[in-house]
Amino acid sequence: MVMVVNVASNCGLTPQYAGLEALYEKFRDRGFEILGVPCNQFAGQEPGSDSEIAEFCERNYGVSFPLTAKADVRGKDQHPLYAELTRFKTGLLPGLVKWNFEKFLVNRDGEVVARFAPTVEPDSAEVIDAVESALG
């Protein structure tokens, strides 16, 4: 099971890295992963190189979950993963990613089972309950 999150280092929501790491630490022994996807599409808030981003995350937030190479999460160069994640699903937030730190919870069958707005903290009761439910 994985939570996919588009991330940025110069965003007002960047401190969510700490909550993401706490969530990862809490559930990783039960088969839970987080995949951070750096993206520079929202106000240019992720300008660094892949290595600079990884160093920033580890140094400032102790991030130990994997980060991908920088990718587009919308538009003509949208990564195929995000094309699938943002397909309409009944009961979930519809449409394109609107800002940094939007979170998609994907179950072991590859289905998006929850989607959280950027302002929803990753260590909130809402997210923890969804992860626990999906893990069974």
Protein backbone atom coordinates (compact mmCIF):
# COMPACT_ATOMS: atom_id res chain seq x y z
CA MET A 1 0.00 0.00 0.00
CA VAL A 2 1.32 3.44 -0.86
CA MET A 3 0.55 7.10 -0.37
CA VAL A 4 1.64 9.19 -3.35
CA VAL A 5 2.25 12.87 -2.60
CA ASN A 6 3.41 15.67 -4.89
CA VAL A 7 5.92 17.65 -2.85
CA ALA A 8 7.82 20.94 -2.95
CA SER A 9 10.63 22.41 -0.85
CA ASN A 10 9.66 26.11 -0.98
CA CYS A 11 5.94 25.88 -0.19
CA GLY A 12 4.00 27.01 2.87
CA LEU A 13 3.02 23.34 3.20
CA THR A 14 6.63 22.05 3.10
CA PRO A 15 6.59 21.35 6.88
CA GLN A 16 4.20 18.49 6.03
CA TYR A 17 7.34 16.51 5.26
CA ALA A 18 7.64 16.00 9.04
CA GLY A 19 4.11 14.61 9.25
CA LEU A 20 4.67 12.39 6.22
CA GLU A 21 7.81 10.97 7.82
CA ALA A 22 5.93 10.35 11.09
CA LEU A 23 3.16 8.56 9.18
CA TYR A 24 5.74 6.48 7.32
CA GLU A 25 7.51 5.52 10.55
CA LYS A 26 4.21 4.57 12.18
CA PHE A 27 3.02 2.19 9.46
CA ARG A 28 5.98 1.07 7.34
CA ASP A 29 6.42 -2.18 9.28
CA ARG A 30 2.88 -3.09 8.16
CA GLY A 31 3.68 -2.70 4.46
CA PHE A 32 2.90 1.00 4.08
CA GLU A 33 5.03 3.16 1.79
CA ILE A 34 5.10 6.83 0.91
CA LEU A 35 6.29 8.01 -2.48
CA GLY A 36 7.18 11.68 -2.71
CA VAL A 37 6.96 13.17 -6.19
CA PRO A 38 8.77 16.52 -6.42
CA CYS A 39 6.97 18.92 -8.74
CA ASN A 40 7.79 22.45 -9.83
CA GLN A 41 4.44 23.21 -11.49
CA PHE A 42 2.89 25.23 -8.66
CA ALA A 43 4.45 28.71 -8.41
CA GLY A 44 7.93 27.28 -9.08
CA GLN A 45 8.17 26.05 -5.49
CA GLU A 46 10.44 23.07 -6.29
CA PRO A 47 13.34 24.59 -8.27
CA GLY A 48 16.14 22.29 -7.04
CA SER A 49 17.76 19.33 -8.74
CA ASP A 50 16.76 15.82 -7.69
CA SER A 51 19.88 15.50 -5.49
CA GLU A 52 19.32 18.94 -3.91
CA ILE A 53 15.72 18.02 -3.12
CA ALA A 54 16.71 14.72 -1.50
CA GLU A 55 19.42 16.42 0.57
CA PHE A 56 17.01 19.17 1.70
CA CYS A 57 14.37 16.64 2.76
CA GLU A 58 16.78 14.47 4.70
CA ARG A 59 18.61 17.36 6.36
CA ASN A 60 15.53 19.37 7.37
CA TYR A 61 12.88 16.72 7.96
CA GLY A 62 14.71 13.39 8.31
CA VAL A 63 12.83 12.04 5.30
CA SER A 64 13.58 8.36 4.76
CA PHE A 65 10.76 7.49 2.35
CA PRO A 66 11.61 7.45 -1.37
CA LEU A 67 11.43 10.48 -3.62
CA THR A 68 11.12 10.19 -7.38
CA ALA A 69 12.78 12.40 -9.94
CA LYS A 70 10.95 15.69 -10.46
CA ALA A 71 7.78 15.16 -12.51
CA ASP A 72 4.75 16.98 -13.86
CA VAL A 73 1.52 16.03 -12.12
CA ARG A 74 -0.77 17.76 -14.64
CA GLY A 75 -0.73 19.17 -18.15
CA LYS A 76 0.67 17.86 -21.43
CA ASP A 77 3.73 16.30 -19.77
CA GLN A 78 1.75 14.75 -16.91
CA HIS A 79 3.44 11.62 -15.56
CA PRO A 80 1.36 8.50 -16.38
CA LEU A 81 1.08 7.69 -12.67
CA TYR A 82 -0.77 10.96 -12.12
CA ALA A 83 -2.96 10.38 -15.16
CA GLU A 84 -4.19 7.24 -13.40
CA LEU A 85 -4.38 8.74 -9.91
CA THR A 86 -6.55 11.66 -11.06
CA ARG A 87 -9.07 9.64 -13.07
CA PHE A 88 -12.54 10.26 -11.69
CA LYS A 89 -13.43 7.89 -8.90
CA THR A 90 -16.82 8.00 -7.15
CA GLY A 91 -16.57 9.42 -3.66
CA LEU A 92 -13.14 11.02 -4.10
CA LEU A 93 -12.06 14.57 -4.85
CA PRO A 94 -12.37 14.90 -8.62
CA GLY A 95 -9.99 16.24 -11.22
CA LEU A 96 -6.49 17.51 -11.53
CA VAL A 97 -4.02 18.05 -8.73
CA LYS A 98 -4.55 21.61 -7.58
CA TRP A 99 -1.48 22.31 -5.39
CA ASN A 100 1.54 20.81 -3.65
CA PHE A 101 1.07 18.08 -1.04
CA GLU A 102 -2.09 16.51 -2.45
CA LYS A 103 -2.19 12.94 -1.15
CA PHE A 104 -3.45 9.77 -2.84
CA LEU A 105 -3.83 6.56 -0.85
CA VAL A 106 -3.53 3.48 -3.07
CA ASN A 107 -4.43 0.03 -1.74
CA ARG A 108 -2.66 -3.26 -2.44
CA ASP A 109 -4.89 -3.81 -5.50
CA GLY A 110 -3.70 -0.54 -7.05
CA GLU A 111 -6.98 1.29 -6.42
CA VAL A 112 -7.09 4.86 -5.14
CA VAL A 113 -9.10 4.51 -1.93
CA ALA A 114 -8.65 8.03 -0.55
CA ARG A 115 -7.55 11.43 -1.74
CA PHE A 116 -6.66 14.25 0.60
CA ALA A 117 -6.49 17.96 -0.16
CA PRO A 118 -3.13 19.70 0.30
CA THR A 119 -4.25 21.32 3.56
CA VAL A 120 -5.03 17.98 5.22
CA GLU A 121 -2.08 17.22 7.49
CA PRO A 122 -0.55 13.79 6.84
CA ASP A 123 -0.52 12.91 10.55
CA SER A 124 -4.17 13.97 11.07
CA ALA A 125 -6.75 11.56 12.46
CA GLU A 126 -8.49 11.55 9.05
CA VAL A 127 -5.38 10.28 7.25
CA ILE A 128 -4.34 7.86 10.01
CA ASP A 129 -7.84 6.33 10.07
CA ALA A 130 -7.80 5.89 6.27
CA VAL A 131 -4.38 4.21 6.36
CA GLU A 132 -5.40 1.90 9.20
CA SER A 133 -8.60 0.98 7.39
CA ALA A 134 -6.79 0.25 4.12
CA LEU A 135 -4.16 -1.84 5.90
CA GLY A 136 -6.90 -3.90 7.51
